[in-house]
Amino acid sequence: MRLGIVTPVVNLNPRFDPPEWEERGGIEDVVEVARAAERLGYEWVSCPEHVAIPRATAATRGGRYWDPLTTLAFVAASTRSIGLLSHVVVLGYHHPLELVKRYGTLDLVSGGRVVLGVGVGSLEAEFELLGAPFADRGERADDALRAIRASFSRRVPSYSGTHYAFEDFVVDPSGVQPRVRIWVGGRSRRSLRRALELGDGWIPFGLPLDGLRTLLGEGEVVAAMGDREEGLDVVLAPEPPLDPVGEPETTAAAVRSYRDIGATALALRFRHDSRAHYVEQLEAMMGVAAALEGR
């Protein structure tokens, strides 16, 4: 089971009751966590995207969202090999070539470590604030995904679709990976279909285990996964946050439950009360994973 982390400090989600140290945390904490995760063998760190959250919505979604590109670039400069996941960029807020240029540059300077997590977005007030169309955001996102796929790591990309079209423009840098991994976020059946049709993975949020089991077990989904030559990364986020230090058996049971419904990787949150405790959880989690694999 491949493991990555929902990076602490960069986003404070009230649903998970963030501890005081996270609220006071800074970039030095993010870097130390990323270095520890890299040393222990985690595959990625992540950072979400929101530009501006309505005050009323912040009570449920949280108000802190560090800019993912700035954050991941800083982490890239402080690490050597760990993946850098945007979890997730809202496609409707950007032109596809803007994302190719920005994350392509990050891919270049990090030595090909970008994992491009993308989503359609659901916060209508933020769309309105940014002057981005909301009603057709799904169709626009699908076209953006096709345009990004046609353009990443191509100096002179060319694309003609339903919402975006371009040719004879130089985008340099535009990435170094021949095929950047694109993981599609969301919590709907449509987001899973979008991942199967246009992405390399599905990284849903906020869905209970039973709901995930139902979606992933549908005949149409099973057939579509079987038709893919390279399979689909199914990156699930266990809830509630895990406590491998204090409850290793419960943690192992949770991992087995997500693995059994088709998870190929886990995006992890932990219970923790300090940066040192968080790093302890990272280490203990690797011990749980090794025991499950018989290592």
C-alpha atoms as a PDB file:
ATOM      1  CA  MET A   1       0.000   0.000   0.000  1.00  0.00           C
ATOM      2  CA  ARG A   2       1.467   3.340  -1.101  1.00  0.00           C
ATOM      3  CA  LEU A   3       1.211   6.109   1.469  1.00  0.00           C
ATOM      4  CA  GLY A   4       1.176   9.899   1.295  1.00  0.00           C
ATOM      5  CA  ILE A   5       0.100  12.608   3.695  1.00  0.00           C
ATOM      6  CA  VAL A   6      -2.460  15.363   3.922  1.00  0.00           C
ATOM      7  CA  THR A   7       0.154  17.842   5.061  1.00  0.00           C
ATOM      8  CA  PRO A   8      -0.485  19.530   8.417  1.00  0.00           C
ATOM      9  CA  VAL A   9      -0.400  23.305   8.973  1.00  0.00           C
ATOM     10  CA  VAL A  10      -1.150  24.310   5.362  1.00  0.00           C
ATOM     11  CA  ASN A  11      -4.898  23.821   5.807  1.00  0.00           C
ATOM     12  CA  LEU A  12      -6.924  23.804   9.025  1.00  0.00           C
ATOM     13  CA  ASN A  13     -10.093  21.763   8.549  1.00  0.00           C
ATOM     14  CA  PRO A  14     -12.499  22.174  11.478  1.00  0.00           C
ATOM     15  CA  ARG A  15     -13.880  18.660  10.912  1.00  0.00           C
ATOM     16  CA  PHE A  16     -10.603  17.210  12.171  1.00  0.00           C
ATOM     17  CA  ASP A  17     -10.161  19.505  15.186  1.00  0.00           C
ATOM     18  CA  PRO A  18      -6.630  20.731  14.354  1.00  0.00           C
ATOM     19  CA  PRO A  19      -4.387  20.978  17.420  1.00  0.00           C
ATOM     20  CA  GLU A  20      -2.919  24.226  18.665  1.00  0.00           C
ATOM     21  CA  TRP A  21       0.552  23.544  17.269  1.00  0.00           C
ATOM     22  CA  GLU A  22      -0.884  23.409  13.744  1.00  0.00           C
ATOM     23  CA  GLU A  23      -2.632  26.720  14.211  1.00  0.00           C
ATOM     24  CA  ARG A  24       0.691  28.275  15.220  1.00  0.00           C
ATOM     25  CA  GLY A  25       2.710  26.285  12.693  1.00  0.00           C
ATOM     26  CA  GLY A  26       4.902  27.734   9.974  1.00  0.00           C
ATOM     27  CA  ILE A  27       6.926  26.669   6.978  1.00  0.00           C
ATOM     28  CA  GLU A  28       9.667  25.202   9.157  1.00  0.00           C
ATOM     29  CA  ASP A  29       7.120  22.712  10.512  1.00  0.00           C
ATOM     30  CA  VAL A  30       5.933  21.819   7.012  1.00  0.00           C
ATOM     31  CA  VAL A  31       9.515  21.247   5.863  1.00  0.00           C
ATOM     32  CA  GLU A  32      10.419  19.075   8.840  1.00  0.00           C
ATOM     33  CA  VAL A  33       7.312  16.945   8.341  1.00  0.00           C
ATOM     34  CA  ALA A  34       8.080  16.617   4.606  1.00  0.00           C
ATOM     35  CA  ARG A  35      11.688  15.618   5.300  1.00  0.00           C
ATOM     36  CA  ALA A  36      10.563  13.019   7.824  1.00  0.00           C
ATOM     37  CA  ALA A  37       7.982  11.640   5.404  1.00  0.00           C
ATOM     38  CA  GLU A  38      10.606  11.417   2.673  1.00  0.00           C
ATOM     39  CA  ARG A  39      13.097   9.679   4.953  1.00  0.00           C
ATOM     40  CA  LEU A  40      10.491   7.124   6.013  1.00  0.00           C
ATOM     41  CA  GLY A  41       9.367   6.296   2.487  1.00  0.00           C
ATOM     42  CA  TYR A  42       6.113   8.187   2.016  1.00  0.00           C
ATOM     43  CA  GLU A  43       5.382   8.897  -1.639  1.00  0.00           C
ATOM     44  CA  TRP A  44       3.990  12.429  -1.493  1.00  0.00           C
ATOM     45  CA  VAL A  45       3.122  15.502   0.492  1.00  0.00           C
ATOM     46  CA  SER A  46       0.199  17.666  -0.546  1.00  0.00           C
ATOM     47  CA  CYS A  47      -1.318  21.117  -0.452  1.00  0.00           C
ATOM     48  CA  PRO A  48      -4.905  22.163  -1.356  1.00  0.00           C
ATOM     49  CA  GLU A  49      -6.150  25.249  -3.177  1.00  0.00           C
ATOM     50  CA  HIS A  50      -8.670  27.925  -2.321  1.00  0.00           C
ATOM     51  CA  VAL A  51      -8.139  31.619  -2.951  1.00  0.00           C
ATOM     52  CA  ALA A  52     -10.737  33.206  -0.689  1.00  0.00           C
ATOM     53  CA  ILE A  53     -13.316  31.498   1.537  1.00  0.00           C
ATOM     54  CA  PRO A  54     -16.538  33.288   2.518  1.00  0.00           C
ATOM     55  CA  ARG A  55     -16.450  33.994   6.228  1.00  0.00           C
ATOM     56  CA  ALA A  56     -19.633  31.978   6.853  1.00  0.00           C
ATOM     57  CA  THR A  57     -18.210  28.988   4.990  1.00  0.00           C
ATOM     58  CA  ALA A  58     -14.882  29.087   6.829  1.00  0.00           C
ATOM     59  CA  ALA A  59     -16.617  27.748   9.930  1.00  0.00           C
ATOM     60  CA  THR A  60     -17.114  24.408   8.172  1.00  0.00           C
ATOM     61  CA  ARG A  61     -14.418  24.361   5.472  1.00  0.00           C
ATOM     62  CA  GLY A  62     -11.708  26.233   7.320  1.00  0.00           C
ATOM     63  CA  GLY A  63     -10.197  29.529   6.306  1.00  0.00           C
ATOM     64  CA  ARG A  64      -6.508  28.671   5.971  1.00  0.00           C
ATOM     65  CA  TYR A  65      -5.364  27.451   2.576  1.00  0.00           C
ATOM     66  CA  TRP A  66      -1.721  28.053   1.754  1.00  0.00           C
ATOM     67  CA  ASP A  67      -1.034  28.583  -1.920  1.00  0.00           C
ATOM     68  CA  PRO A  68      -0.103  25.132  -3.236  1.00  0.00           C
ATOM     69  CA  LEU A  69       2.488  26.212  -5.778  1.00  0.00           C
ATOM     70  CA  THR A  70       4.424  28.400  -3.340  1.00  0.00           C
ATOM     71  CA  THR A  71       4.238  25.765  -0.615  1.00  0.00           C
ATOM     72  CA  LEU A  72       5.226  22.809  -2.783  1.00  0.00           C
ATOM     73  CA  ALA A  73       8.070  24.776  -4.366  1.00  0.00           C
ATOM     74  CA  PHE A  74       9.479  25.523  -0.919  1.00  0.00           C
ATOM     75  CA  VAL A  75       9.155  21.856   0.019  1.00  0.00           C
ATOM     76  CA  ALA A  76      10.819  20.849  -3.259  1.00  0.00           C
ATOM     77  CA  ALA A  77      13.846  22.979  -2.410  1.00  0.00           C
ATOM     78  CA  SER A  78      14.105  21.287   0.984  1.00  0.00           C
ATOM     79  CA  THR A  79      13.716  17.656  -0.124  1.00  0.00           C
ATOM     80  CA  ARG A  80      15.126  15.354  -2.778  1.00  0.00           C
ATOM     81  CA  SER A  81      12.623  12.730  -3.892  1.00  0.00           C
ATOM     82  CA  ILE A  82       9.166  12.951  -2.325  1.00  0.00           C
ATOM     83  CA  GLY A  83       6.236  13.634  -4.658  1.00  0.00           C
ATOM     84  CA  LEU A  84       4.532  17.029  -4.702  1.00  0.00           C
ATOM     85  CA  LEU A  85       0.747  16.732  -4.928  1.00  0.00           C
ATOM     86  CA  SER A  86      -1.702  19.564  -5.516  1.00  0.00           C
ATOM     87  CA  HIS A  87      -4.669  18.248  -3.559  1.00  0.00           C
ATOM     88  CA  VAL A  88      -6.469  19.751  -5.377  1.00  0.00           C
ATOM     89  CA  VAL A  89      -6.153  22.598  -7.883  1.00  0.00           C
ATOM     90  CA  VAL A  90      -9.566  23.939  -8.935  1.00  0.00           C
ATOM     91  CA  LEU A  91      -9.517  23.707 -12.718  1.00  0.00           C
ATOM     92  CA  GLY A  92     -12.096  26.411 -13.308  1.00  0.00           C
ATOM     93  CA  TYR A  93      -9.912  29.081 -11.698  1.00  0.00           C
ATOM     94  CA  HIS A  94      -7.136  28.747 -14.292  1.00  0.00           C
ATOM     95  CA  HIS A  95      -6.471  28.517 -18.018  1.00  0.00           C
ATOM     96  CA  PRO A  96      -4.991  25.079 -18.770  1.00  0.00           C
ATOM     97  CA  LEU A  97      -1.733  26.591 -20.049  1.00  0.00           C
ATOM     98  CA  GLU A  98      -1.385  28.578 -16.838  1.00  0.00           C
ATOM     99  CA  LEU A  99      -1.407  25.304 -14.927  1.00  0.00           C
ATOM    100  CA  VAL A 100       0.993  23.718 -17.416  1.00  0.00           C
ATOM    101  CA  LYS A 101       3.429  26.631 -17.049  1.00  0.00           C
ATOM    102  CA  ARG A 102       3.227  26.850 -13.254  1.00  0.00           C
ATOM    103  CA  TYR A 103       3.274  23.163 -12.402  1.00  0.00           C
ATOM    104  CA  GLY A 104       5.528  22.402 -15.349  1.00  0.00           C
ATOM    105  CA  THR A 105       8.071  24.783 -13.847  1.00  0.00           C
ATOM    106  CA  LEU A 106       7.687  23.054 -10.475  1.00  0.00           C
ATOM    107  CA  ASP A 107       8.156  19.726 -12.253  1.00  0.00           C
ATOM    108  CA  LEU A 108      11.359  21.006 -13.825  1.00  0.00           C
ATOM    109  CA  VAL A 109      12.930  22.454 -10.692  1.00  0.00           C
ATOM    110  CA  SER A 110      11.957  19.441  -8.569  1.00  0.00           C
ATOM    111  CA  GLY A 111      13.277  16.861 -11.021  1.00  0.00           C
ATOM    112  CA  GLY A 112       9.905  15.497 -12.144  1.00  0.00           C
ATOM    113  CA  ARG A 113       8.120  15.132  -8.816  1.00  0.00           C
ATOM    114  CA  VAL A 114       4.752  16.772  -9.552  1.00  0.00           C
ATOM    115  CA  VAL A 115       1.510  14.846  -9.119  1.00  0.00           C
ATOM    116  CA  LEU A 116      -1.254  17.062 -10.452  1.00  0.00           C
ATOM    117  CA  GLY A 117      -4.343  16.707  -8.302  1.00  0.00           C
ATOM    118  CA  VAL A 118      -7.309  18.522  -9.835  1.00  0.00           C
ATOM    119  CA  GLY A 119     -10.933  19.154  -9.037  1.00  0.00           C
ATOM    120  CA  VAL A 120     -14.012  20.765 -10.527  1.00  0.00           C
ATOM    121  CA  GLY A 121     -14.774  22.934  -7.496  1.00  0.00           C
ATOM    122  CA  SER A 122     -18.002  23.486  -5.606  1.00  0.00           C
ATOM    123  CA  LEU A 123     -17.748  26.844  -3.833  1.00  0.00           C
ATOM    124  CA  GLU A 124     -19.936  29.053  -6.007  1.00  0.00           C
ATOM    125  CA  ALA A 125     -19.151  32.269  -4.122  1.00  0.00           C
ATOM    126  CA  GLU A 126     -15.436  31.808  -4.815  1.00  0.00           C
ATOM    127  CA  PHE A 127     -16.106  31.233  -8.515  1.00  0.00           C
ATOM    128  CA  GLU A 128     -18.116  34.452  -8.601  1.00  0.00           C
ATOM    129  CA  LEU A 129     -15.407  36.374  -6.764  1.00  0.00           C
ATOM    130  CA  LEU A 130     -12.777  35.236  -9.258  1.00  0.00           C
ATOM    131  CA  GLY A 131     -14.975  35.842 -12.286  1.00  0.00           C
ATOM    132  CA  ALA A 132     -14.958  32.151 -13.192  1.00  0.00           C
ATOM    133  CA  PRO A 133     -17.996  30.457 -14.775  1.00  0.00           C
ATOM    134  CA  PHE A 134     -19.765  28.127 -12.342  1.00  0.00           C
ATOM    135  CA  ALA A 135     -22.730  26.577 -14.173  1.00  0.00           C
ATOM    136  CA  ASP A 136     -20.670  24.716 -16.799  1.00  0.00           C
ATOM    137  CA  ARG A 137     -17.681  23.991 -14.581  1.00  0.00           C
ATOM    138  CA  GLY A 138     -17.899  20.215 -15.136  1.00  0.00           C
ATOM    139  CA  GLU A 139     -17.728  20.383 -18.921  1.00  0.00           C
ATOM    140  CA  ARG A 140     -15.093  23.100 -18.708  1.00  0.00           C
ATOM    141  CA  ALA A 141     -13.013  20.948 -16.355  1.00  0.00           C
ATOM    142  CA  ASP A 142     -13.198  17.970 -18.703  1.00  0.00           C
ATOM    143  CA  ASP A 143     -11.917  20.087 -21.565  1.00  0.00           C
ATOM    144  CA  ALA A 144      -9.204  21.577 -19.352  1.00  0.00           C
ATOM    145  CA  LEU A 145      -8.019  18.079 -18.456  1.00  0.00           C
ATOM    146  CA  ARG A 146      -7.753  17.140 -22.120  1.00  0.00           C
ATOM    147  CA  ALA A 147      -5.882  20.373 -22.829  1.00  0.00           C
ATOM    148  CA  ILE A 148      -3.442  19.804 -19.951  1.00  0.00           C
ATOM    149  CA  ARG A 149      -2.791  16.247 -21.076  1.00  0.00           C
ATOM    150  CA  ALA A 150      -2.081  17.497 -24.603  1.00  0.00           C
ATOM    151  CA  SER A 151       0.282  20.209 -23.343  1.00  0.00           C
ATOM    152  CA  PHE A 152       2.298  19.045 -20.335  1.00  0.00           C
ATOM    153  CA  SER A 153       5.974  18.652 -21.232  1.00  0.00           C
ATOM    154  CA  ARG A 154       5.361  20.030 -24.726  1.00  0.00           C
ATOM    155  CA  ARG A 155       7.150  23.262 -25.604  1.00  0.00           C
ATOM    156  CA  VAL A 156       4.719  24.189 -28.406  1.00  0.00           C
ATOM    157  CA  PRO A 157       1.416  22.559 -27.469  1.00  0.00           C
ATOM    158  CA  SER A 158      -1.601  22.376 -29.722  1.00  0.00           C
ATOM    159  CA  TYR A 159      -5.180  21.719 -28.687  1.00  0.00           C
ATOM    160  CA  SER A 160      -8.699  22.357 -29.942  1.00  0.00           C
ATOM    161  CA  GLY A 161     -11.620  21.485 -27.706  1.00  0.00           C
ATOM    162  CA  THR A 162     -15.040  22.616 -26.565  1.00  0.00           C
ATOM    163  CA  HIS A 163     -13.844  25.403 -24.270  1.00  0.00           C
ATOM    164  CA  TYR A 164     -10.126  25.835 -24.978  1.00  0.00           C
ATOM    165  CA  ALA A 165      -8.118  26.067 -28.177  1.00  0.00           C
ATOM    166  CA  PHE A 166      -4.533  27.141 -28.826  1.00  0.00           C
ATOM    167  CA  GLU A 167      -1.590  26.619 -31.146  1.00  0.00           C
ATOM    168  CA  ASP A 168       1.666  28.372 -32.079  1.00  0.00           C
ATOM    169  CA  PHE A 169       2.419  29.432 -28.497  1.00  0.00           C
ATOM    170  CA  VAL A 170       5.634  28.503 -26.720  1.00  0.00           C
ATOM    171  CA  VAL A 171       5.208  27.270 -23.137  1.00  0.00           C
ATOM    172  CA  ASP A 172       8.690  26.877 -21.692  1.00  0.00           C
ATOM    173  CA  PRO A 173       9.135  25.254 -19.242  1.00  0.00           C
ATOM    174  CA  SER A 174       6.128  22.979 -19.394  1.00  0.00           C
ATOM    175  CA  GLY A 175       7.298  20.000 -17.333  1.00  0.00           C
ATOM    176  CA  VAL A 176       9.759  17.152 -17.693  1.00  0.00           C
ATOM    177  CA  GLN A 177       7.632  14.060 -17.086  1.00  0.00           C
ATOM    178  CA  PRO A 178       6.488  12.473 -20.363  1.00  0.00           C
ATOM    179  CA  ARG A 179       3.158  11.750 -18.672  1.00  0.00           C
ATOM    180  CA  VAL A 180       2.468  13.606 -15.441  1.00  0.00           C
ATOM    181  CA  ARG A 181       0.120  11.744 -13.120  1.00  0.00           C
ATOM    182  CA  ILE A 182      -3.269  13.458 -12.909  1.00  0.00           C
ATOM    183  CA  TRP A 183      -5.430  12.516  -9.929  1.00  0.00           C
ATOM    184  CA  VAL A 184      -9.038  13.678 -10.016  1.00  0.00           C
ATOM    185  CA  GLY A 185     -10.652  14.788  -6.769  1.00  0.00           C
ATOM    186  CA  GLY A 186     -14.309  15.005  -5.861  1.00  0.00           C
ATOM    187  CA  ARG A 187     -16.948  13.052  -4.015  1.00  0.00           C
ATOM    188  CA  SER A 188     -19.426  12.111  -6.729  1.00  0.00           C
ATOM    189  CA  ARG A 189     -19.974   9.291  -9.201  1.00  0.00           C
ATOM    190  CA  ARG A 190     -19.161  11.803 -11.936  1.00  0.00           C
ATOM    191  CA  SER A 191     -15.751  12.534 -10.416  1.00  0.00           C
ATOM    192  CA  LEU A 192     -14.924   8.824 -10.522  1.00  0.00           C
ATOM    193  CA  ARG A 193     -16.035   8.603 -14.154  1.00  0.00           C
ATOM    194  CA  ARG A 194     -13.929  11.679 -14.914  1.00  0.00           C
ATOM    195  CA  ALA A 195     -10.905   9.987 -13.340  1.00  0.00           C
ATOM    196  CA  LEU A 196     -11.495   6.830 -15.365  1.00  0.00           C
ATOM    197  CA  GLU A 197     -11.957   8.731 -18.607  1.00  0.00           C
ATOM    198  CA  LEU A 198      -9.359  11.473 -18.300  1.00  0.00           C
ATOM    199  CA  GLY A 199      -7.060  10.873 -15.352  1.00  0.00           C
ATOM    200  CA  ASP A 200      -4.595   8.462 -13.816  1.00  0.00           C
ATOM    201  CA  GLY A 201      -6.189   8.297 -10.384  1.00  0.00           C
ATOM    202  CA  TRP A 202      -9.157   9.158  -8.193  1.00  0.00           C
ATOM    203  CA  ILE A 203      -8.580  10.947  -4.889  1.00  0.00           C
ATOM    204  CA  PRO A 204     -12.006  11.560  -3.336  1.00  0.00           C
ATOM    205  CA  PHE A 205     -12.740  13.363  -0.083  1.00  0.00           C
ATOM    206  CA  GLY A 206     -15.459  13.320   2.534  1.00  0.00           C
ATOM    207  CA  LEU A 207     -17.021   9.983   1.528  1.00  0.00           C
ATOM    208  CA  PRO A 208     -17.684   7.300   4.155  1.00  0.00           C
ATOM    209  CA  LEU A 209     -16.279   3.826   3.705  1.00  0.00           C
ATOM    210  CA  ASP A 210     -19.656   2.344   2.737  1.00  0.00           C
ATOM    211  CA  GLY A 211     -20.200   5.026   0.100  1.00  0.00           C
ATOM    212  CA  LEU A 212     -16.767   4.392  -1.373  1.00  0.00           C
ATOM    213  CA  ARG A 213     -17.414   0.653  -1.388  1.00  0.00           C
ATOM    214  CA  THR A 214     -20.659   1.177  -3.282  1.00  0.00           C
ATOM    215  CA  LEU A 215     -19.137   3.450  -5.906  1.00  0.00           C
ATOM    216  CA  LEU A 216     -16.066   1.312  -6.499  1.00  0.00           C
ATOM    217  CA  GLY A 217     -18.112  -1.881  -6.634  1.00  0.00           C
ATOM    218  CA  GLU A 218     -20.508  -0.783  -9.364  1.00  0.00           C
ATOM    219  CA  GLY A 219     -20.339  -3.043 -12.400  1.00  0.00           C
ATOM    220  CA  GLU A 220     -19.688  -0.191 -14.793  1.00  0.00           C
ATOM    221  CA  VAL A 221     -16.765   1.015 -12.689  1.00  0.00           C
ATOM    222  CA  VAL A 222     -15.255  -2.459 -12.313  1.00  0.00           C
ATOM    223  CA  ALA A 223     -15.501  -2.989 -16.072  1.00  0.00           C
ATOM    224  CA  ALA A 224     -13.961   0.406 -16.841  1.00  0.00           C
ATOM    225  CA  MET A 225     -11.060  -0.291 -14.488  1.00  0.00           C
ATOM    226  CA  GLY A 226     -10.519  -3.652 -16.134  1.00  0.00           C
ATOM    227  CA  ASP A 227     -10.351  -2.009 -19.549  1.00  0.00           C
ATOM    228  CA  ARG A 228      -7.549   0.360 -18.536  1.00  0.00           C
ATOM    229  CA  GLU A 229      -4.104  -0.815 -19.606  1.00  0.00           C
ATOM    230  CA  GLU A 230      -2.335   0.754 -16.619  1.00  0.00           C
ATOM    231  CA  GLY A 231      -5.134   0.554 -14.052  1.00  0.00           C
ATOM    232  CA  LEU A 232      -6.301   3.480 -11.922  1.00  0.00           C
ATOM    233  CA  ASP A 233      -4.709   4.886  -8.781  1.00  0.00           C
ATOM    234  CA  VAL A 234      -7.446   4.779  -6.133  1.00  0.00           C
ATOM    235  CA  VAL A 235      -6.195   7.115  -3.426  1.00  0.00           C
ATOM    236  CA  LEU A 236      -8.472   7.075  -0.397  1.00  0.00           C
ATOM    237  CA  ALA A 237      -8.352   9.114   2.808  1.00  0.00           C
ATOM    238  CA  PRO A 238      -9.266   7.148   5.945  1.00  0.00           C
ATOM    239  CA  GLU A 239     -11.543   8.875   8.432  1.00  0.00           C
ATOM    240  CA  PRO A 240     -11.303   9.547  11.284  1.00  0.00           C
ATOM    241  CA  PRO A 241      -7.572  10.386  11.410  1.00  0.00           C
ATOM    242  CA  LEU A 242      -5.393   7.431  12.347  1.00  0.00           C
ATOM    243  CA  ASP A 243      -3.399   6.857  15.545  1.00  0.00           C
ATOM    244  CA  PRO A 244      -0.765   4.236  14.746  1.00  0.00           C
ATOM    245  CA  VAL A 245       1.251   5.088  17.896  1.00  0.00           C
ATOM    246  CA  GLY A 246      -1.621   4.681  20.334  1.00  0.00           C
ATOM    247  CA  GLU A 247      -3.891   2.319  18.413  1.00  0.00           C
ATOM    248  CA  PRO A 248      -1.831   0.217  15.981  1.00  0.00           C
ATOM    249  CA  GLU A 249      -4.406  -2.575  15.728  1.00  0.00           C
ATOM    250  CA  THR A 250      -7.251  -0.170  14.975  1.00  0.00           C
ATOM    251  CA  THR A 251      -5.023   1.533  12.408  1.00  0.00           C
ATOM    252  CA  ALA A 252      -4.186  -1.791  10.757  1.00  0.00           C
ATOM    253  CA  ALA A 253      -7.889  -2.682  10.604  1.00  0.00           C
ATOM    254  CA  ALA A 254      -8.659   0.652   8.930  1.00  0.00           C
ATOM    255  CA  VAL A 255      -5.935   0.121   6.336  1.00  0.00           C
ATOM    256  CA  ARG A 256      -7.253  -3.364   5.596  1.00  0.00           C
ATOM    257  CA  SER A 257     -10.776  -1.992   5.193  1.00  0.00           C
ATOM    258  CA  TYR A 258      -9.702   0.568   2.603  1.00  0.00           C
ATOM    259  CA  ARG A 259      -7.428  -1.889   0.840  1.00  0.00           C
ATOM    260  CA  ASP A 260     -10.262  -4.407   0.607  1.00  0.00           C
ATOM    261  CA  ILE A 261     -12.524  -1.977  -1.269  1.00  0.00           C
ATOM    262  CA  GLY A 262      -9.856  -1.216  -3.854  1.00  0.00           C
ATOM    263  CA  ALA A 263      -7.518   1.439  -2.469  1.00  0.00           C
ATOM    264  CA  THR A 264      -4.101   1.382  -4.080  1.00  0.00           C
ATOM    265  CA  ALA A 265      -2.808   4.266  -1.943  1.00  0.00           C
ATOM    266  CA  LEU A 266      -3.852   6.208   1.152  1.00  0.00           C
ATOM    267  CA  ALA A 267      -3.782   9.959   1.804  1.00  0.00           C
ATOM    268  CA  LEU A 268      -3.276  10.030   5.549  1.00  0.00           C
ATOM    269  CA  ARG A 269      -4.261  12.254   8.420  1.00  0.00           C
ATOM    270  CA  PHE A 270      -3.096  11.481  11.948  1.00  0.00           C
ATOM    271  CA  ARG A 271      -4.130  12.307  15.474  1.00  0.00           C
ATOM    272  CA  HIS A 272      -1.311  14.382  16.929  1.00  0.00           C
ATOM    273  CA  ASP A 273      -0.608  17.068  19.493  1.00  0.00           C
ATOM    274  CA  SER A 274       2.813  18.365  18.389  1.00  0.00           C
ATOM    275  CA  ARG A 275       5.186  18.264  15.475  1.00  0.00           C
ATOM    276  CA  ALA A 276       7.270  15.636  17.251  1.00  0.00           C
ATOM    277  CA  HIS A 277       4.163  13.538  17.850  1.00  0.00           C
ATOM    278  CA  TYR A 278       3.206  13.864  14.183  1.00  0.00           C
ATOM    279  CA  VAL A 279       6.622  12.546  13.134  1.00  0.00           C
ATOM    280  CA  GLU A 280       6.205   9.673  15.602  1.00  0.00           C
ATOM    281  CA  GLN A 281       2.913   8.867  13.915  1.00  0.00           C
ATOM    282  CA  LEU A 282       4.604   8.878  10.513  1.00  0.00           C
ATOM    283  CA  GLU A 283       7.155   6.351  11.722  1.00  0.00           C
ATOM    284  CA  ALA A 284       4.604   4.168  13.507  1.00  0.00           C
ATOM    285  CA  MET A 285       2.403   4.115  10.411  1.00  0.00           C
ATOM    286  CA  MET A 286       5.232   2.680   8.381  1.00  0.00           C
ATOM    287  CA  GLY A 287       5.597  -0.048  10.981  1.00  0.00           C
ATOM    288  CA  VAL A 288       1.898  -0.875  10.703  1.00  0.00           C
ATOM    289  CA  ALA A 289       2.125  -0.967   6.907  1.00  0.00           C
ATOM    290  CA  ALA A 290       5.197  -3.206   6.998  1.00  0.00           C
ATOM    291  CA  ALA A 291       3.452  -5.645   9.359  1.00  0.00           C
ATOM    292  CA  LEU A 292       0.440  -5.819   7.053  1.00  0.00           C
ATOM    293  CA  GLU A 293       2.712  -6.651   4.125  1.00  0.00           C
ATOM    294  CA  GLY A 294       4.621  -9.254   6.129  1.00  0.00           C
ATOM    295  CA  ARG A 295       7.891  -7.358   6.031  1.00  0.00           C
END
